[in-house]
Amino acid sequence: MSEVRWGFLGTGWFATTMAQDLALVGIEVHGVASRNLETALSFAKQHQIQNAFGNYEELCSSDLVYAIYVAIPHPFHFANAKLALEAGKHVLVEKPFTMNAKQAQILIEIATEKNLFLMEAMWSRFLPAQRSLVEFIQAGAIGDVLAVSAEHSQYLPIDTHLRLWDKALGGGALLDLGIYPLALIQNLLGKPTSVKAVGALADTGVDSRVKVVLDFPGGKIANFFTTMQVAGKANATVYGTKGRIEIGTPIWGQFDYQVFDEKGIQMSAYHDQIIGTGRQIQFLEANISILDGKTEHIWMPLSDTLELAKIMDEIRGQVGVTYLADTVN
């Protein structure tokens, strides 16, 4: 195929933002599905999509699309990504990939068996800022990385962000906010050797704030804090043997960063402008991988997705958050 014909499974905020970003770079969406046909038709009209479906099964079985973007609330990622994979479609799944590592493992096994591309839509990893940061550190600009400290906190009250406080809908600060600093830490330090977490639960049973400390081989350490109760920071600092890098807000998107030597003297700074939110970049990269016959992307490999799920399972276990998906065999 000369192009990847994408279908959107879902019509919410993520799908809307993604459709707008894709339009900026000329990536056409060939189909969209909602559980309500009128909603799908409205979304299709708004974003100039030719084909609308009134259920997810029709989209996944359609020959009009070659790959599926799963853009619905995360408790429903597993079942519908599985549906798409079993229909022979390549799949991009919004973050968090699944509710737990068990579900993630099953999807990975299906994709592997069917030789299909599968990726978690960790779009921040594909942004120029994070790519530049990784390359800069790998070049030894601040020596060996010793520690990373990060935070992602937003004021998302229950009266305006009900889903985030609803346990049945996968609410909680960790899965929606904390995954970003955790994924950044993973991108810089790899797999932790230990995870220690403390947190507080809301009356609804979801985590309202979480603090995590992670140990890594060679004595490297990291920590991150996340809450949806207060409009705090969304930044990070990377400490090396020859200096530090201060990453500006927002850690989850396109950021600026400044580089300081070991004496605290600024050496350089990074700033770049992108169009839209930058979410389109992961699609461009996914397109290349699919057309090249690859089943995953090196910047967000399935091993990282599975490890992220395992770490978050461990954090939730220590904090005391259990979802319905955790109790299903």
C-alpha atoms as a PDB file:
ATOM      1  CA  MET A   1       0.000   0.000   0.000  1.00  0.00           C
ATOM      2  CA  SER A   2       1.151   3.549  -0.739  1.00  0.00           C
ATOM      3  CA  GLU A   3      -0.639   4.900   2.330  1.00  0.00           C
ATOM      4  CA  VAL A   4      -2.034   3.711   5.638  1.00  0.00           C
ATOM      5  CA  ARG A   5      -5.802   4.094   5.703  1.00  0.00           C
ATOM      6  CA  TRP A   6      -6.648   4.963   9.310  1.00  0.00           C
ATOM      7  CA  GLY A   7      -9.943   4.497  11.097  1.00  0.00           C
ATOM      8  CA  PHE A   8     -10.813   6.191  14.388  1.00  0.00           C
ATOM      9  CA  LEU A   9     -12.491   4.079  17.046  1.00  0.00           C
ATOM     10  CA  GLY A  10     -14.062   6.772  19.214  1.00  0.00           C
ATOM     11  CA  THR A  11     -15.101  10.390  18.783  1.00  0.00           C
ATOM     12  CA  GLY A  12     -14.130  12.071  22.052  1.00  0.00           C
ATOM     13  CA  TRP A  13     -11.544  14.717  22.919  1.00  0.00           C
ATOM     14  CA  PHE A  14      -8.535  12.614  21.951  1.00  0.00           C
ATOM     15  CA  ALA A  15     -10.031  11.745  18.581  1.00  0.00           C
ATOM     16  CA  THR A  16     -10.980  15.358  17.907  1.00  0.00           C
ATOM     17  CA  THR A  17      -7.519  16.683  18.766  1.00  0.00           C
ATOM     18  CA  MET A  18      -5.844  13.933  16.745  1.00  0.00           C
ATOM     19  CA  ALA A  19      -8.019  14.572  13.688  1.00  0.00           C
ATOM     20  CA  GLN A  20      -7.134  18.259  13.815  1.00  0.00           C
ATOM     21  CA  ASP A  21      -3.411  17.501  14.084  1.00  0.00           C
ATOM     22  CA  LEU A  22      -3.514  14.972  11.242  1.00  0.00           C
ATOM     23  CA  ALA A  23      -5.266  17.482   8.975  1.00  0.00           C
ATOM     24  CA  LEU A  24      -2.308  19.844   9.462  1.00  0.00           C
ATOM     25  CA  VAL A  25       0.057  17.343   7.832  1.00  0.00           C
ATOM     26  CA  GLY A  26      -2.314  15.949   5.236  1.00  0.00           C
ATOM     27  CA  ILE A  27      -3.015  12.551   6.800  1.00  0.00           C
ATOM     28  CA  GLU A  28      -6.529  11.548   5.801  1.00  0.00           C
ATOM     29  CA  VAL A  29      -8.782   9.627   8.175  1.00  0.00           C
ATOM     30  CA  HIS A  30     -10.837   7.137   6.152  1.00  0.00           C
ATOM     31  CA  GLY A  31     -13.386   6.049   8.736  1.00  0.00           C
ATOM     32  CA  VAL A  32     -14.750   6.754  12.192  1.00  0.00           C
ATOM     33  CA  ALA A  33     -16.924   4.717  14.519  1.00  0.00           C
ATOM     34  CA  SER A  34     -19.027   5.527  17.536  1.00  0.00           C
ATOM     35  CA  ARG A  35     -21.552   3.517  19.479  1.00  0.00           C
ATOM     36  CA  ASN A  36     -24.081   5.995  18.081  1.00  0.00           C
ATOM     37  CA  LEU A  37     -24.268   6.443  14.304  1.00  0.00           C
ATOM     38  CA  GLU A  38     -25.400  10.060  14.565  1.00  0.00           C
ATOM     39  CA  THR A  39     -22.326  10.885  16.642  1.00  0.00           C
ATOM     40  CA  ALA A  40     -20.082   9.188  14.082  1.00  0.00           C
ATOM     41  CA  LEU A  41     -21.773  11.034  11.217  1.00  0.00           C
ATOM     42  CA  SER A  42     -21.362  14.364  13.008  1.00  0.00           C
ATOM     43  CA  PHE A  43     -17.663  13.701  13.663  1.00  0.00           C
ATOM     44  CA  ALA A  44     -17.162  12.576  10.058  1.00  0.00           C
ATOM     45  CA  LYS A  45     -18.768  15.741   8.719  1.00  0.00           C
ATOM     46  CA  GLN A  46     -16.718  17.970  11.021  1.00  0.00           C
ATOM     47  CA  HIS A  47     -13.414  16.362  10.002  1.00  0.00           C
ATOM     48  CA  GLN A  48     -14.202  15.521   6.369  1.00  0.00           C
ATOM     49  CA  ILE A  49     -14.156  11.756   6.873  1.00  0.00           C
ATOM     50  CA  GLN A  50     -15.965   9.793   4.169  1.00  0.00           C
ATOM     51  CA  ASN A  51     -17.068   6.742   6.150  1.00  0.00           C
ATOM     52  CA  ALA A  52     -18.970   6.633   9.445  1.00  0.00           C
ATOM     53  CA  PHE A  53     -19.963   3.530  11.400  1.00  0.00           C
ATOM     54  CA  GLY A  54     -22.524   3.089  14.161  1.00  0.00           C
ATOM     55  CA  ASN A  55     -20.538   0.456  16.025  1.00  0.00           C
ATOM     56  CA  TYR A  56     -16.917  -0.563  16.485  1.00  0.00           C
ATOM     57  CA  GLU A  57     -17.317  -4.000  14.926  1.00  0.00           C
ATOM     58  CA  GLU A  58     -18.253  -2.539  11.538  1.00  0.00           C
ATOM     59  CA  LEU A  59     -15.198  -0.288  11.512  1.00  0.00           C
ATOM     60  CA  CYS A  60     -12.814  -3.094  12.442  1.00  0.00           C
ATOM     61  CA  SER A  61     -14.220  -5.448   9.816  1.00  0.00           C
ATOM     62  CA  SER A  62     -14.272  -2.837   7.060  1.00  0.00           C
ATOM     63  CA  ASP A  63     -11.898  -3.097   4.101  1.00  0.00           C
ATOM     64  CA  LEU A  64     -11.943   0.716   3.920  1.00  0.00           C
ATOM     65  CA  VAL A  65      -9.409   1.006   6.735  1.00  0.00           C
ATOM     66  CA  TYR A  66      -6.039  -0.636   7.246  1.00  0.00           C
ATOM     67  CA  ALA A  67      -5.213   0.529  10.770  1.00  0.00           C
ATOM     68  CA  ILE A  68      -7.248   1.533  13.820  1.00  0.00           C
ATOM     69  CA  TYR A  69      -6.641   4.315  16.331  1.00  0.00           C
ATOM     70  CA  VAL A  70      -8.343   3.401  19.618  1.00  0.00           C
ATOM     71  CA  ALA A  71      -9.391   6.699  21.211  1.00  0.00           C
ATOM     72  CA  ILE A  72     -11.927   5.765  23.880  1.00  0.00           C
ATOM     73  CA  PRO A  73     -11.655   5.741  27.713  1.00  0.00           C
ATOM     74  CA  HIS A  74      -8.965   3.298  28.832  1.00  0.00           C
ATOM     75  CA  PRO A  75     -11.194   0.680  30.536  1.00  0.00           C
ATOM     76  CA  PHE A  76     -12.373  -0.104  26.993  1.00  0.00           C
ATOM     77  CA  HIS A  77      -8.964  -0.119  25.290  1.00  0.00           C
ATOM     78  CA  PHE A  78      -8.303  -3.820  25.758  1.00  0.00           C
ATOM     79  CA  ALA A  79     -11.544  -5.215  24.333  1.00  0.00           C
ATOM     80  CA  ASN A  80     -11.561  -2.919  21.318  1.00  0.00           C
ATOM     81  CA  ALA A  81      -7.857  -3.120  20.517  1.00  0.00           C
ATOM     82  CA  LYS A  82      -8.294  -6.903  20.681  1.00  0.00           C
ATOM     83  CA  LEU A  83     -11.271  -6.593  18.342  1.00  0.00           C
ATOM     84  CA  ALA A  84      -9.202  -4.614  15.837  1.00  0.00           C
ATOM     85  CA  LEU A  85      -6.196  -6.938  16.018  1.00  0.00           C
ATOM     86  CA  GLU A  86      -8.322 -10.041  15.574  1.00  0.00           C
ATOM     87  CA  ALA A  87      -9.839  -8.364  12.500  1.00  0.00           C
ATOM     88  CA  GLY A  88      -6.322  -8.080  11.067  1.00  0.00           C
ATOM     89  CA  LYS A  89      -5.852  -4.346  11.605  1.00  0.00           C
ATOM     90  CA  HIS A  90      -2.723  -2.555  12.755  1.00  0.00           C
ATOM     91  CA  VAL A  91      -3.474  -0.695  15.985  1.00  0.00           C
ATOM     92  CA  LEU A  92      -2.460   2.481  17.789  1.00  0.00           C
ATOM     93  CA  VAL A  93      -3.917   2.581  21.317  1.00  0.00           C
ATOM     94  CA  GLU A  94      -4.264   5.744  23.365  1.00  0.00           C
ATOM     95  CA  LYS A  95      -2.357   5.838  26.617  1.00  0.00           C
ATOM     96  CA  PRO A  96      -2.572   4.180  29.054  1.00  0.00           C
ATOM     97  CA  PHE A  97      -2.401   1.166  26.766  1.00  0.00           C
ATOM     98  CA  THR A  98      -4.551  -1.063  28.964  1.00  0.00           C
ATOM     99  CA  MET A  99      -5.759  -1.201  32.561  1.00  0.00           C
ATOM    100  CA  ASN A 100      -3.019  -3.605  33.617  1.00  0.00           C
ATOM    101  CA  ALA A 101      -0.043  -5.624  32.439  1.00  0.00           C
ATOM    102  CA  LYS A 102      -2.061  -8.810  31.945  1.00  0.00           C
ATOM    103  CA  GLN A 103      -4.214  -7.118  29.325  1.00  0.00           C
ATOM    104  CA  ALA A 104      -1.152  -5.556  27.692  1.00  0.00           C
ATOM    105  CA  GLN A 105       0.537  -8.949  27.426  1.00  0.00           C
ATOM    106  CA  ILE A 106      -2.488 -10.483  25.710  1.00  0.00           C
ATOM    107  CA  LEU A 107      -2.640  -7.730  23.074  1.00  0.00           C
ATOM    108  CA  ILE A 108       1.084  -8.020  22.418  1.00  0.00           C
ATOM    109  CA  GLU A 109       0.779 -11.774  21.946  1.00  0.00           C
ATOM    110  CA  ILE A 110      -2.088 -11.361  19.454  1.00  0.00           C
ATOM    111  CA  ALA A 111      -0.216  -8.713  17.467  1.00  0.00           C
ATOM    112  CA  THR A 112       2.919 -10.859  17.432  1.00  0.00           C
ATOM    113  CA  GLU A 113       1.022 -13.944  16.278  1.00  0.00           C
ATOM    114  CA  LYS A 114      -0.669 -12.005  13.487  1.00  0.00           C
ATOM    115  CA  ASN A 115       2.432  -9.984  12.542  1.00  0.00           C
ATOM    116  CA  LEU A 116       0.590  -6.688  13.054  1.00  0.00           C
ATOM    117  CA  PHE A 117       1.885  -3.291  14.108  1.00  0.00           C
ATOM    118  CA  LEU A 118       0.862  -2.342  17.644  1.00  0.00           C
ATOM    119  CA  MET A 119       1.841   0.720  19.658  1.00  0.00           C
ATOM    120  CA  GLU A 120       0.811   2.743  22.678  1.00  0.00           C
ATOM    121  CA  ALA A 121       0.101   6.341  21.671  1.00  0.00           C
ATOM    122  CA  MET A 122       2.752   7.826  23.956  1.00  0.00           C
ATOM    123  CA  TRP A 123       2.909  10.845  21.674  1.00  0.00           C
ATOM    124  CA  SER A 124       5.288  12.846  23.893  1.00  0.00           C
ATOM    125  CA  ARG A 125       8.119  10.418  23.060  1.00  0.00           C
ATOM    126  CA  PHE A 126       7.900  11.424  19.406  1.00  0.00           C
ATOM    127  CA  LEU A 127       8.030  15.177  19.928  1.00  0.00           C
ATOM    128  CA  PRO A 128      11.197  17.003  18.821  1.00  0.00           C
ATOM    129  CA  ALA A 129      11.820  18.191  22.382  1.00  0.00           C
ATOM    130  CA  GLN A 130      11.979  14.717  23.913  1.00  0.00           C
ATOM    131  CA  ARG A 131      13.921  13.298  20.976  1.00  0.00           C
ATOM    132  CA  SER A 132      16.439  16.145  21.328  1.00  0.00           C
ATOM    133  CA  LEU A 133      16.650  15.594  25.100  1.00  0.00           C
ATOM    134  CA  VAL A 134      17.376  11.878  24.717  1.00  0.00           C
ATOM    135  CA  GLU A 135      20.025  12.456  22.039  1.00  0.00           C
ATOM    136  CA  PHE A 136      21.619  15.264  24.048  1.00  0.00           C
ATOM    137  CA  ILE A 137      21.925  13.077  27.141  1.00  0.00           C
ATOM    138  CA  GLN A 138      23.156  10.075  25.162  1.00  0.00           C
ATOM    139  CA  ALA A 139      25.908  12.294  23.725  1.00  0.00           C
ATOM    140  CA  GLY A 140      27.193  12.779  27.281  1.00  0.00           C
ATOM    141  CA  ALA A 141      26.338  16.475  27.560  1.00  0.00           C
ATOM    142  CA  ILE A 142      25.789  16.240  31.328  1.00  0.00           C
ATOM    143  CA  GLY A 143      27.908  13.167  31.934  1.00  0.00           C
ATOM    144  CA  ASP A 144      26.300  10.058  33.360  1.00  0.00           C
ATOM    145  CA  VAL A 145      22.703  10.546  34.474  1.00  0.00           C
ATOM    146  CA  LEU A 146      22.400  10.054  38.231  1.00  0.00           C
ATOM    147  CA  ALA A 147      18.793  11.003  38.962  1.00  0.00           C
ATOM    148  CA  VAL A 148      15.541  12.312  37.499  1.00  0.00           C
ATOM    149  CA  SER A 149      12.857  14.226  39.395  1.00  0.00           C
ATOM    150  CA  ALA A 150       9.513  14.952  37.748  1.00  0.00           C
ATOM    151  CA  GLU A 151       5.988  16.172  38.445  1.00  0.00           C
ATOM    152  CA  HIS A 152       2.688  16.348  36.611  1.00  0.00           C
ATOM    153  CA  SER A 153      -0.074  17.998  38.587  1.00  0.00           C
ATOM    154  CA  GLN A 154      -3.280  19.606  37.345  1.00  0.00           C
ATOM    155  CA  TYR A 155      -6.446  20.928  38.932  1.00  0.00           C
ATOM    156  CA  LEU A 156      -9.113  18.604  37.584  1.00  0.00           C
ATOM    157  CA  PRO A 157     -12.077  18.809  39.999  1.00  0.00           C
ATOM    158  CA  ILE A 158     -14.828  16.230  40.037  1.00  0.00           C
ATOM    159  CA  ASP A 159     -17.531  18.660  38.934  1.00  0.00           C
ATOM    160  CA  THR A 160     -15.828  19.289  35.579  1.00  0.00           C
ATOM    161  CA  HIS A 161     -13.769  16.098  35.153  1.00  0.00           C
ATOM    162  CA  LEU A 162     -16.056  13.374  36.462  1.00  0.00           C
ATOM    163  CA  ARG A 163     -14.394  10.532  34.523  1.00  0.00           C
ATOM    164  CA  LEU A 164     -11.078  11.105  36.319  1.00  0.00           C
ATOM    165  CA  TRP A 165     -12.772  10.518  39.661  1.00  0.00           C
ATOM    166  CA  ASP A 166     -14.852   7.523  38.521  1.00  0.00           C
ATOM    167  CA  LYS A 167     -13.261   4.171  39.336  1.00  0.00           C
ATOM    168  CA  ALA A 168     -15.428   2.353  36.787  1.00  0.00           C
ATOM    169  CA  LEU A 169     -13.996   4.592  34.073  1.00  0.00           C
ATOM    170  CA  GLY A 170     -10.369   4.065  35.107  1.00  0.00           C
ATOM    171  CA  GLY A 171     -10.063   7.346  36.976  1.00  0.00           C
ATOM    172  CA  GLY A 172      -7.102   8.403  39.068  1.00  0.00           C
ATOM    173  CA  ALA A 173      -4.050  10.634  38.819  1.00  0.00           C
ATOM    174  CA  LEU A 174      -1.583   7.861  37.967  1.00  0.00           C
ATOM    175  CA  LEU A 175      -3.073   6.492  34.755  1.00  0.00           C
ATOM    176  CA  ASP A 176      -4.005   9.868  33.283  1.00  0.00           C
ATOM    177  CA  LEU A 177      -1.248  12.191  34.549  1.00  0.00           C
ATOM    178  CA  GLY A 178       1.477  10.200  36.267  1.00  0.00           C
ATOM    179  CA  ILE A 179       2.083   8.032  33.222  1.00  0.00           C
ATOM    180  CA  TYR A 180       3.811  10.976  31.489  1.00  0.00           C
ATOM    181  CA  PRO A 181       6.628  11.557  33.996  1.00  0.00           C
ATOM    182  CA  LEU A 182       6.933   7.800  34.466  1.00  0.00           C
ATOM    183  CA  ALA A 183       7.326   7.267  30.706  1.00  0.00           C
ATOM    184  CA  LEU A 184       9.929  10.036  30.553  1.00  0.00           C
ATOM    185  CA  ILE A 185      11.896   8.486  33.421  1.00  0.00           C
ATOM    186  CA  GLN A 186      11.722   5.117  31.681  1.00  0.00           C
ATOM    187  CA  ASN A 187      12.942   6.677  28.441  1.00  0.00           C
ATOM    188  CA  LEU A 188      16.009   8.058  30.222  1.00  0.00           C
ATOM    189  CA  LEU A 189      16.839   5.359  32.779  1.00  0.00           C
ATOM    190  CA  GLY A 190      15.275   2.131  31.545  1.00  0.00           C
ATOM    191  CA  LYS A 191      13.851  -0.569  33.788  1.00  0.00           C
ATOM    192  CA  PRO A 192      13.796   0.048  37.553  1.00  0.00           C
ATOM    193  CA  THR A 193      14.984  -2.472  40.084  1.00  0.00           C
ATOM    194  CA  SER A 194      12.522  -1.351  42.751  1.00  0.00           C
ATOM    195  CA  VAL A 195       9.395   0.797  43.057  1.00  0.00           C
ATOM    196  CA  LYS A 196       8.190   2.465  46.238  1.00  0.00           C
ATOM    197  CA  ALA A 197       4.904   4.394  46.241  1.00  0.00           C
ATOM    198  CA  VAL A 198       2.715   6.298  48.657  1.00  0.00           C
ATOM    199  CA  GLY A 199      -0.542   7.990  47.867  1.00  0.00           C
ATOM    200  CA  ALA A 200      -4.005   9.047  48.922  1.00  0.00           C
ATOM    201  CA  LEU A 201      -7.374   7.811  47.728  1.00  0.00           C
ATOM    202  CA  ALA A 202     -10.448   9.907  47.005  1.00  0.00           C
ATOM    203  CA  ASP A 203     -13.839   8.932  48.384  1.00  0.00           C
ATOM    204  CA  THR A 204     -14.555   7.340  44.997  1.00  0.00           C
ATOM    205  CA  GLY A 205     -11.646   4.933  45.434  1.00  0.00           C
ATOM    206  CA  VAL A 206      -9.284   6.393  42.836  1.00  0.00           C
ATOM    207  CA  ASP A 207      -5.835   7.788  43.573  1.00  0.00           C
ATOM    208  CA  SER A 208      -5.996  11.559  43.954  1.00  0.00           C
ATOM    209  CA  ARG A 209      -2.238  11.980  44.507  1.00  0.00           C
ATOM    210  CA  VAL A 210       0.770   9.680  44.291  1.00  0.00           C
ATOM    211  CA  LYS A 211       4.487   9.974  45.059  1.00  0.00           C
ATOM    212  CA  VAL A 212       6.840   7.358  43.640  1.00  0.00           C
ATOM    213  CA  VAL A 213      10.552   6.610  44.121  1.00  0.00           C
ATOM    214  CA  LEU A 214      12.312   4.274  41.706  1.00  0.00           C
ATOM    215  CA  ASP A 215      15.770   2.666  41.937  1.00  0.00           C
ATOM    216  CA  PHE A 216      17.783   1.727  38.858  1.00  0.00           C
ATOM    217  CA  PRO A 217      20.989  -0.232  38.223  1.00  0.00           C
ATOM    218  CA  GLY A 218      24.213   1.566  39.073  1.00  0.00           C
ATOM    219  CA  GLY A 219      22.724   3.538  41.930  1.00  0.00           C
ATOM    220  CA  LYS A 220      20.567   5.742  39.701  1.00  0.00           C
ATOM    221  CA  ILE A 221      17.332   7.000  41.232  1.00  0.00           C
ATOM    222  CA  ALA A 222      14.193   8.802  40.143  1.00  0.00           C
ATOM    223  CA  ASN A 223      11.022  10.148  41.669  1.00  0.00           C
ATOM    224  CA  PHE A 224       7.803  11.660  40.451  1.00  0.00           C
ATOM    225  CA  PHE A 225       4.704  13.210  41.964  1.00  0.00           C
ATOM    226  CA  THR A 226       1.252  13.494  40.438  1.00  0.00           C
ATOM    227  CA  THR A 227      -2.068  14.883  41.613  1.00  0.00           C
ATOM    228  CA  MET A 228      -5.304  16.069  40.061  1.00  0.00           C
ATOM    229  CA  GLN A 229      -6.278  18.143  43.092  1.00  0.00           C
ATOM    230  CA  VAL A 230      -4.006  21.160  42.582  1.00  0.00           C
ATOM    231  CA  ALA A 231      -2.654  23.097  39.603  1.00  0.00           C
ATOM    232  CA  GLY A 232       0.979  22.321  40.323  1.00  0.00           C
ATOM    233  CA  LYS A 233       3.936  21.841  38.008  1.00  0.00           C
ATOM    234  CA  ALA A 234       4.443  19.709  34.920  1.00  0.00           C
ATOM    235  CA  ASN A 235       8.220  19.702  34.649  1.00  0.00           C
ATOM    236  CA  ALA A 236      11.349  17.667  35.397  1.00  0.00           C
ATOM    237  CA  THR A 237      15.038  17.906  36.219  1.00  0.00           C
ATOM    238  CA  VAL A 238      17.698  15.487  35.017  1.00  0.00           C
ATOM    239  CA  TYR A 239      20.874  15.361  37.145  1.00  0.00           C
ATOM    240  CA  GLY A 240      24.174  14.185  35.687  1.00  0.00           C
ATOM    241  CA  THR A 241      27.792  13.977  36.822  1.00  0.00           C
ATOM    242  CA  LYS A 242      28.625  17.075  34.737  1.00  0.00           C
ATOM    243  CA  GLY A 243      25.487  19.154  35.126  1.00  0.00           C
ATOM    244  CA  ARG A 244      21.715  19.175  35.017  1.00  0.00           C
ATOM    245  CA  ILE A 245      18.866  19.737  32.555  1.00  0.00           C
ATOM    246  CA  GLU A 246      15.733  21.615  33.605  1.00  0.00           C
ATOM    247  CA  ILE A 247      12.707  20.656  31.549  1.00  0.00           C
ATOM    248  CA  GLY A 248       9.973  23.277  31.395  1.00  0.00           C
ATOM    249  CA  THR A 249       6.226  22.854  31.486  1.00  0.00           C
ATOM    250  CA  PRO A 250       4.540  20.874  30.043  1.00  0.00           C
ATOM    251  CA  ILE A 251       6.365  17.610  30.609  1.00  0.00           C
ATOM    252  CA  TRP A 252       3.599  15.828  28.690  1.00  0.00           C
ATOM    253  CA  GLY A 253       3.958  17.934  25.537  1.00  0.00           C
ATOM    254  CA  GLN A 254       6.402  20.084  23.610  1.00  0.00           C
ATOM    255  CA  PHE A 255       8.730  21.656  26.186  1.00  0.00           C
ATOM    256  CA  ASP A 256      11.779  23.891  26.369  1.00  0.00           C
ATOM    257  CA  TYR A 257      14.818  22.859  28.373  1.00  0.00           C
ATOM    258  CA  GLN A 258      17.905  24.505  29.775  1.00  0.00           C
ATOM    259  CA  VAL A 259      21.296  22.918  30.367  1.00  0.00           C
ATOM    260  CA  PHE A 260      23.518  23.879  33.316  1.00  0.00           C
ATOM    261  CA  ASP A 261      27.021  22.723  34.194  1.00  0.00           C
ATOM    262  CA  GLU A 262      27.987  21.256  37.573  1.00  0.00           C
ATOM    263  CA  LYS A 263      28.488  24.778  38.978  1.00  0.00           C
ATOM    264  CA  GLY A 264      25.011  25.880  37.944  1.00  0.00           C
ATOM    265  CA  ILE A 265      26.105  28.030  35.002  1.00  0.00           C
ATOM    266  CA  GLN A 266      23.772  27.825  32.016  1.00  0.00           C
ATOM    267  CA  MET A 267      25.493  26.317  28.972  1.00  0.00           C
ATOM    268  CA  SER A 268      22.678  26.067  26.440  1.00  0.00           C
ATOM    269  CA  ALA A 269      18.928  25.985  25.907  1.00  0.00           C
ATOM    270  CA  TYR A 270      16.492  24.213  23.621  1.00  0.00           C
ATOM    271  CA  HIS A 271      13.398  25.732  22.066  1.00  0.00           C
ATOM    272  CA  ASP A 272      11.398  24.615  19.058  1.00  0.00           C
ATOM    273  CA  GLN A 273       8.052  25.440  17.484  1.00  0.00           C
ATOM    274  CA  ILE A 274       5.705  22.727  16.227  1.00  0.00           C
ATOM    275  CA  ILE A 275       2.366  22.910  14.493  1.00  0.00           C
ATOM    276  CA  GLY A 276      -0.709  21.760  16.340  1.00  0.00           C
ATOM    277  CA  THR A 277      -0.110  19.756  19.486  1.00  0.00           C
ATOM    278  CA  GLY A 278       2.440  17.473  17.815  1.00  0.00           C
ATOM    279  CA  ARG A 279       0.333  14.337  18.158  1.00  0.00           C
ATOM    280  CA  GLN A 280       0.523  13.878  14.400  1.00  0.00           C
ATOM    281  CA  ILE A 281       4.210  12.959  14.616  1.00  0.00           C
ATOM    282  CA  GLN A 282       3.504   9.551  16.138  1.00  0.00           C
ATOM    283  CA  PHE A 283       1.127   8.852  13.240  1.00  0.00           C
ATOM    284  CA  LEU A 284       3.777   9.795  10.711  1.00  0.00           C
ATOM    285  CA  GLU A 285       6.182   7.420  12.427  1.00  0.00           C
ATOM    286  CA  ALA A 286       3.570   4.667  12.715  1.00  0.00           C
ATOM    287  CA  ASN A 287       2.814   5.028   8.994  1.00  0.00           C
ATOM    288  CA  ILE A 288       6.475   4.534   8.134  1.00  0.00           C
ATOM    289  CA  SER A 289       6.730   1.471  10.378  1.00  0.00           C
ATOM    290  CA  ILE A 290       3.580  -0.129   8.963  1.00  0.00           C
ATOM    291  CA  LEU A 291       4.579   0.482   5.350  1.00  0.00           C
ATOM    292  CA  ASP A 292       8.030  -0.955   6.130  1.00  0.00           C
ATOM    293  CA  GLY A 293       6.437  -4.104   7.531  1.00  0.00           C
ATOM    294  CA  LYS A 294       7.510  -3.468  11.121  1.00  0.00           C
ATOM    295  CA  THR A 295       5.376  -4.524  14.078  1.00  0.00           C
ATOM    296  CA  GLU A 296       6.544  -1.931  16.595  1.00  0.00           C
ATOM    297  CA  HIS A 297       8.425   1.360  16.810  1.00  0.00           C
ATOM    298  CA  ILE A 298      11.862   1.711  18.351  1.00  0.00           C
ATOM    299  CA  TRP A 299      10.905   4.915  20.208  1.00  0.00           C
ATOM    300  CA  MET A 300       7.917   3.275  21.926  1.00  0.00           C
ATOM    301  CA  PRO A 301       8.569  -0.479  21.778  1.00  0.00           C
ATOM    302  CA  LEU A 302       6.089  -2.969  23.158  1.00  0.00           C
ATOM    303  CA  SER A 303       8.596  -3.967  25.836  1.00  0.00           C
ATOM    304  CA  ASP A 304       8.402  -0.416  27.221  1.00  0.00           C
ATOM    305  CA  THR A 305       4.603  -0.476  27.124  1.00  0.00           C
ATOM    306  CA  LEU A 306       4.495  -3.760  29.024  1.00  0.00           C
ATOM    307  CA  GLU A 307       7.032  -2.551  31.577  1.00  0.00           C
ATOM    308  CA  LEU A 308       5.079   0.688  32.112  1.00  0.00           C
ATOM    309  CA  ALA A 309       1.959  -1.362  32.785  1.00  0.00           C
ATOM    310  CA  LYS A 310       3.830  -3.552  35.270  1.00  0.00           C
ATOM    311  CA  ILE A 311       5.224  -0.538  37.123  1.00  0.00           C
ATOM    312  CA  MET A 312       1.800   1.077  37.339  1.00  0.00           C
ATOM    313  CA  ASP A 313       0.328  -2.207  38.565  1.00  0.00           C
ATOM    314  CA  GLU A 314       2.956  -2.218  41.324  1.00  0.00           C
ATOM    315  CA  ILE A 315       2.257   1.411  42.227  1.00  0.00           C
ATOM    316  CA  ARG A 316      -1.489   0.826  42.383  1.00  0.00           C
ATOM    317  CA  GLY A 317      -0.936  -2.248  44.511  1.00  0.00           C
ATOM    318  CA  GLN A 318       1.059  -0.263  47.044  1.00  0.00           C
ATOM    319  CA  VAL A 319      -1.372   2.666  47.049  1.00  0.00           C
ATOM    320  CA  GLY A 320      -4.470   0.464  47.147  1.00  0.00           C
ATOM    321  CA  VAL A 321      -6.234   1.054  43.835  1.00  0.00           C
ATOM    322  CA  THR A 322      -7.909  -1.919  42.177  1.00  0.00           C
ATOM    323  CA  TYR A 323     -10.004  -1.757  39.029  1.00  0.00           C
ATOM    324  CA  LEU A 324     -12.564  -4.244  37.747  1.00  0.00           C
ATOM    325  CA  ALA A 325     -10.092  -5.387  35.087  1.00  0.00           C
ATOM    326  CA  ASP A 326      -7.744  -6.557  37.851  1.00  0.00           C
ATOM    327  CA  THR A 327     -10.329  -8.995  39.184  1.00  0.00           C
ATOM    328  CA  VAL A 328     -11.269 -10.601  35.850  1.00  0.00           C
ATOM    329  CA  ASN A 329      -9.510 -13.862  35.002  1.00  0.00           C
END
